Amino acid sequence: MLNKNITTRLSLLLITGTLLAGCVSVNENQQALSSVKEREMTVGIVQKEIKVGMLQADVASALGSPNIITKDGGGKETWIYDKIATEASYSQSGAYGTLILVGASGNSGAYSTTQKTLTVIIKFDTQGNVASFSYHASKF
């Protein structure tokens, strides 16, 4: 009798743990991604952080390393940040609970992706200060 009681309790504990493990929120899963742990570059960050006259070191601190650096014949540098992101969404509905225990499910879902791009061009003067900057963002 004691072995049956222990087996029943262990089974309930295992089932409860399995169900609770599946209750991690989408936000918690997203925060665990390494790409989200890095600072995301947005138009708002560029508008807030980048100012004409600021030093190259300050730009690098605010936005990180650029993707491309060019220098013209006069020694003026241009930094280009080119960011591309794919956002994927999945929506699912279905019946759970005891149906999971017997291996059946009645699920349906939809999946979509969106591409986002952000290009930032920062031009520096010969002293290494921001002379001008521009940006373009798109979503499709």
Protein backbone atom coordinates (compact mmCIF):
# COMPACT_ATOMS: atom_id res chain seq x y z
CA MET A 1 0.00 0.00 0.00
CA LEU A 2 2.85 2.36 0.85
CA ASN A 3 4.57 1.77 -2.52
CA LYS A 4 1.36 2.56 -4.41
CA ASN A 5 0.95 5.78 -2.38
CA ILE A 6 4.54 6.85 -3.09
CA THR A 7 4.16 6.00 -6.79
CA THR A 8 0.96 8.03 -6.98
CA ARG A 9 2.58 11.02 -5.28
CA LEU A 10 5.67 10.85 -7.49
CA SER A 11 3.46 10.65 -10.59
CA LEU A 12 1.45 13.69 -9.50
CA LEU A 13 4.66 15.58 -8.69
CA LEU A 14 6.11 14.74 -12.11
CA ILE A 15 2.91 15.78 -13.91
CA THR A 16 2.66 19.02 -11.93
CA GLY A 17 6.32 19.84 -12.61
CA THR A 18 5.87 19.16 -16.32
CA LEU A 19 2.82 21.41 -16.51
CA LEU A 20 4.52 24.21 -14.56
CA ALA A 21 7.64 24.02 -16.72
CA GLY A 22 5.48 24.85 -19.72
CA CYS A 23 4.17 28.00 -18.04
CA VAL A 24 7.17 30.20 -18.82
CA SER A 25 5.89 33.41 -20.33
CA VAL A 26 6.80 34.57 -23.83
CA ASN A 27 8.50 37.61 -22.29
CA GLU A 28 10.71 35.40 -20.10
CA ASN A 29 11.67 33.27 -23.12
CA GLN A 30 12.45 36.39 -25.17
CA GLN A 31 14.62 37.88 -22.41
CA ALA A 32 16.65 34.66 -22.31
CA LEU A 33 17.70 35.07 -25.95
CA SER A 34 21.27 36.30 -26.34
CA SER A 35 20.28 38.76 -29.10
CA VAL A 36 17.95 40.56 -26.69
CA LYS A 37 20.60 40.78 -23.97
CA GLU A 38 22.62 43.11 -26.16
CA ARG A 39 21.37 46.67 -26.36
CA GLU A 40 18.89 46.95 -29.21
CA MET A 41 19.48 49.87 -31.55
CA THR A 42 16.35 51.83 -32.39
CA VAL A 43 15.56 55.16 -34.05
CA GLY A 44 14.69 56.49 -30.59
CA ILE A 45 18.12 55.61 -29.22
CA VAL A 46 19.81 57.28 -32.19
CA GLN A 47 17.67 60.42 -31.79
CA LYS A 48 18.27 60.55 -28.05
CA GLU A 49 21.96 59.68 -27.90
CA ILE A 50 23.63 61.09 -31.03
CA LYS A 51 24.29 64.84 -31.18
CA VAL A 52 26.29 66.98 -33.59
CA GLY A 53 29.68 67.74 -32.02
CA MET A 54 29.97 64.60 -29.87
CA LEU A 55 33.19 62.57 -29.94
CA GLN A 56 33.67 59.27 -31.78
CA ALA A 57 34.29 57.50 -28.46
CA ASP A 58 30.92 58.71 -27.17
CA VAL A 59 29.20 57.47 -30.33
CA ALA A 60 30.85 54.07 -29.91
CA SER A 61 29.70 53.96 -26.27
CA ALA A 62 26.13 54.84 -27.25
CA LEU A 63 25.73 52.61 -30.32
CA GLY A 64 28.58 50.12 -30.23
CA SER A 65 30.93 49.35 -33.10
CA PRO A 66 29.79 50.33 -36.59
CA ASN A 67 29.42 47.78 -39.38
CA ILE A 68 31.36 49.90 -41.89
CA ILE A 69 33.94 52.69 -41.52
CA THR A 70 35.07 54.73 -44.51
CA LYS A 71 37.49 57.65 -44.80
CA ASP A 72 37.43 60.25 -47.58
CA GLY A 73 40.41 61.99 -49.17
CA GLY A 74 40.26 64.79 -46.58
CA GLY A 75 40.58 62.37 -43.66
CA LYS A 76 36.92 62.58 -42.58
CA GLU A 77 35.41 59.30 -41.35
CA THR A 78 31.91 58.02 -41.96
CA TRP A 79 30.47 55.30 -39.75
CA ILE A 80 27.61 53.15 -41.00
CA TYR A 81 25.44 51.04 -38.75
CA ASP A 82 23.28 48.60 -40.67
CA LYS A 83 20.94 46.52 -38.54
CA ILE A 84 18.50 43.90 -39.79
CA ALA A 85 16.10 42.00 -37.54
CA THR A 86 13.49 39.34 -38.11
CA GLU A 87 10.60 39.19 -35.67
CA ALA A 88 8.68 35.93 -35.59
CA SER A 89 5.27 35.54 -33.98
CA TYR A 90 3.39 32.36 -33.28
CA SER A 91 -0.10 32.22 -31.89
CA GLN A 92 -1.49 28.92 -30.69
CA SER A 93 -4.78 27.82 -29.29
CA GLY A 94 -5.80 24.38 -28.20
CA ALA A 95 -7.07 22.10 -25.49
CA TYR A 96 -4.66 21.09 -22.76
CA GLY A 97 -4.98 19.68 -19.28
CA THR A 98 -5.79 15.99 -19.13
CA LEU A 99 -5.48 15.67 -22.89
CA ILE A 100 -1.71 16.10 -22.54
CA LEU A 101 -1.58 13.17 -20.17
CA VAL A 102 -3.09 10.82 -22.73
CA GLY A 103 -1.05 12.22 -25.60
CA ALA A 104 -3.89 13.90 -27.52
CA SER A 105 -4.18 17.53 -28.42
CA GLY A 106 -6.44 19.78 -30.43
CA ASN A 107 -4.08 22.58 -31.40
CA SER A 108 -4.18 25.16 -34.16
CA GLY A 109 -1.93 28.12 -34.72
CA ALA A 110 -0.66 30.84 -36.99
CA TYR A 111 2.90 31.97 -37.70
CA SER A 112 4.15 35.25 -39.19
CA THR A 113 7.47 37.04 -39.63
CA THR A 114 8.36 40.70 -40.03
CA GLN A 115 11.65 42.14 -41.24
CA LYS A 116 12.98 45.41 -39.78
CA THR A 117 15.98 47.39 -40.96
CA LEU A 118 17.76 50.40 -39.52
CA THR A 119 20.62 52.16 -41.29
CA VAL A 120 22.46 54.95 -39.47
CA ILE A 121 25.10 57.06 -41.21
CA ILE A 122 27.31 59.28 -39.04
CA LYS A 123 29.80 61.67 -40.62
CA PHE A 124 32.69 63.04 -38.57
CA ASP A 125 34.84 66.12 -39.09
CA THR A 126 38.65 65.96 -39.16
CA GLN A 127 38.81 66.27 -35.35
CA GLY A 128 36.62 63.17 -34.87
CA ASN A 129 33.44 65.00 -33.83
CA VAL A 130 30.00 64.26 -35.29
CA ALA A 131 29.43 66.65 -38.20
CA SER A 132 26.07 65.17 -39.27
CA PHE A 133 24.02 62.01 -39.02
CA SER A 134 21.03 60.48 -40.77
CA TYR A 135 19.01 57.29 -40.46
CA HIS A 136 16.43 55.26 -42.29
CA ALA A 137 14.15 52.62 -40.78
CA SER A 138 11.83 50.23 -42.59
CA LYS A 139 9.52 47.40 -41.67
CA PHE A 140 8.07 44.86 -44.06
